[in-house]
Amino acid sequence: MAVLLAVCIPALMLGVVLALGRYEELLLPPPAESADAARDAAENTSTTPL
């Protein structure tokens, strides 16, 4: 019985940590782009057709 607990508890703990990581990704907004990246993206956008 003790061996079963010794095997199951780490696996359960790993599952909880992975589940909490996924939950955190759902709760937190994605990181905002830096001002430089946003400016570069705006400069590279063309309004005239090629």
N, C-alpha and C. Protein backbone atom coordinates (compact mmCIF):
# COMPACT_ATOMS: atom_id res chain seq x y z
N MET A 1 0.82 -1.19 0.00
CA MET A 1 0.00 0.00 0.00
C MET A 1 0.87 1.26 0.00
N ALA A 2 1.95 1.25 0.77
CA ALA A 2 2.83 2.42 0.83
C ALA A 2 3.52 2.65 -0.52
N VAL A 3 3.84 1.56 -1.20
CA VAL A 3 4.49 1.68 -2.51
C VAL A 3 3.52 2.31 -3.51
N LEU A 4 2.26 1.93 -3.43
CA LEU A 4 1.25 2.51 -4.32
C LEU A 4 1.13 4.01 -4.10
N LEU A 5 1.14 4.43 -2.85
CA LEU A 5 1.09 5.87 -2.55
C LEU A 5 2.35 6.58 -3.04
N ALA A 6 3.48 5.94 -2.86
CA ALA A 6 4.75 6.54 -3.28
C ALA A 6 4.81 6.71 -4.80
N VAL A 7 4.10 5.88 -5.52
CA VAL A 7 4.08 5.98 -6.98
C VAL A 7 3.01 6.97 -7.44
N CYS A 8 1.86 6.96 -6.80
CA CYS A 8 0.72 7.77 -7.25
C CYS A 8 0.84 9.25 -6.87
N ILE A 9 1.35 9.54 -5.71
CA ILE A 9 1.38 10.94 -5.25
C ILE A 9 2.21 11.83 -6.18
N PRO A 10 3.42 11.46 -6.59
CA PRO A 10 4.15 12.33 -7.53
C PRO A 10 3.42 12.52 -8.86
N ALA A 11 2.79 11.47 -9.36
CA ALA A 11 2.04 11.59 -10.61
C ALA A 11 0.85 12.54 -10.45
N LEU A 12 0.17 12.43 -9.34
CA LEU A 12 -0.95 13.34 -9.08
C LEU A 12 -0.48 14.78 -8.92
N MET A 13 0.64 14.96 -8.23
CA MET A 13 1.17 16.31 -8.06
C MET A 13 1.58 16.91 -9.40
N LEU A 14 2.17 16.11 -10.28
CA LEU A 14 2.53 16.59 -11.61
C LEU A 14 1.28 17.00 -12.38
N GLY A 15 0.24 16.21 -12.29
CA GLY A 15 -1.02 16.55 -12.95
C GLY A 15 -1.60 17.85 -12.44
N VAL A 16 -1.54 18.06 -11.14
CA VAL A 16 -2.06 19.30 -10.56
C VAL A 16 -1.24 20.50 -11.03
N VAL A 17 0.06 20.37 -11.06
CA VAL A 17 0.92 21.48 -11.51
C VAL A 17 0.65 21.81 -12.97
N LEU A 18 0.52 20.79 -13.81
CA LEU A 18 0.24 21.04 -15.22
C LEU A 18 -1.14 21.66 -15.41
N ALA A 19 -2.12 21.19 -14.66
CA ALA A 19 -3.48 21.75 -14.75
C ALA A 19 -3.50 23.20 -14.30
N LEU A 20 -2.77 23.53 -13.25
CA LEU A 20 -2.72 24.92 -12.78
C LEU A 20 -2.03 25.82 -13.80
N GLY A 21 -1.04 25.30 -14.48
CA GLY A 21 -0.37 26.08 -15.53
C GLY A 21 -1.32 26.41 -16.67
N ARG A 22 -2.12 25.43 -17.07
CA ARG A 22 -3.10 25.67 -18.13
C ARG A 22 -4.16 26.66 -17.66
N TYR A 23 -4.57 26.54 -16.41
CA TYR A 23 -5.58 27.44 -15.85
C TYR A 23 -5.05 28.87 -15.80
N GLU A 24 -3.77 29.00 -15.46
CA GLU A 24 -3.15 30.33 -15.41
C GLU A 24 -3.13 30.95 -16.80
N GLU A 25 -2.85 30.15 -17.84
CA GLU A 25 -2.84 30.67 -19.20
C GLU A 25 -4.21 31.18 -19.61
N LEU A 26 -5.26 30.53 -19.13
CA LEU A 26 -6.61 30.97 -19.46
C LEU A 26 -6.98 32.26 -18.74
N LEU A 27 -6.49 32.43 -17.51
CA LEU A 27 -6.86 33.60 -16.71
C LEU A 27 -6.10 34.85 -17.10
N LEU A 28 -4.81 34.71 -17.33
CA LEU A 28 -3.98 35.88 -17.57
C LEU A 28 -4.05 36.30 -19.04
N PRO A 29 -4.09 37.59 -19.32
CA PRO A 29 -4.07 38.04 -20.71
C PRO A 29 -2.69 37.78 -21.31
N PRO A 30 -2.63 37.66 -22.64
CA PRO A 30 -1.31 37.47 -23.27
C PRO A 30 -0.45 38.70 -23.04
N PRO A 31 0.86 38.54 -23.03
CA PRO A 31 1.74 39.69 -22.81
C PRO A 31 1.57 40.72 -23.93
N ALA A 32 1.56 41.99 -23.55
CA ALA A 32 1.40 43.07 -24.52
C ALA A 32 2.68 43.20 -25.34
N GLU A 33 2.49 43.63 -26.57
CA GLU A 33 3.66 43.85 -27.43
C GLU A 33 4.42 45.07 -26.93
N SER A 34 5.70 45.07 -27.15
CA SER A 34 6.49 46.23 -26.78
C SER A 34 6.19 47.38 -27.75
N ALA A 35 6.48 48.58 -27.34
CA ALA A 35 6.20 49.75 -28.18
C ALA A 35 6.99 49.68 -29.47
N ASP A 36 8.23 49.18 -29.42
CA ASP A 36 9.05 49.09 -30.62
C ASP A 36 8.46 48.10 -31.62
N ALA A 37 7.99 46.96 -31.14
CA ALA A 37 7.41 45.96 -32.03
C ALA A 37 6.13 46.48 -32.66
N ALA A 38 5.32 47.19 -31.90
CA ALA A 38 4.07 47.74 -32.44
C ALA A 38 4.38 48.81 -33.49
N ARG A 39 5.39 49.64 -33.24
CA ARG A 39 5.75 50.69 -34.20
C ARG A 39 6.30 50.07 -35.48
N ASP A 40 7.13 49.04 -35.36
CA ASP A 40 7.69 48.38 -36.54
C ASP A 40 6.58 47.72 -37.36
N ALA A 41 5.61 47.12 -36.69
CA ALA A 41 4.51 46.48 -37.41
C ALA A 41 3.69 47.53 -38.14
N ALA A 42 3.49 48.70 -37.54
CA ALA A 42 2.73 49.77 -38.19
C ALA A 42 3.48 50.33 -39.39
N GLU A 43 4.79 50.42 -39.29
CA GLU A 43 5.60 50.95 -40.40
C GLU A 43 5.66 49.99 -41.56
N ASN A 44 5.61 48.70 -41.29
CA ASN A 44 5.73 47.70 -42.34
C ASN A 44 4.41 47.44 -43.06
N THR A 45 3.33 48.01 -42.58
CA THR A 45 2.03 47.81 -43.21
C THR A 45 1.89 48.81 -44.34
N SER A 46 1.57 48.33 -45.50
CA SER A 46 1.43 49.18 -46.65
C SER A 46 -0.04 49.36 -47.00
N THR A 47 -0.42 50.60 -47.36
CA THR A 47 -1.81 50.86 -47.73
C THR A 47 -2.00 50.85 -49.24
N THR A 48 -0.90 50.79 -49.99
CA THR A 48 -1.01 50.75 -51.44
C THR A 48 -0.83 49.33 -51.92
N PRO A 49 -1.62 48.90 -52.91
CA PRO A 49 -1.48 47.51 -53.41
C PRO A 49 -0.16 47.36 -54.18
N LEU A 50 0.33 46.14 -54.19
CA LEU A 50 1.59 45.87 -54.88
C LEU A 50 1.39 45.72 -56.36
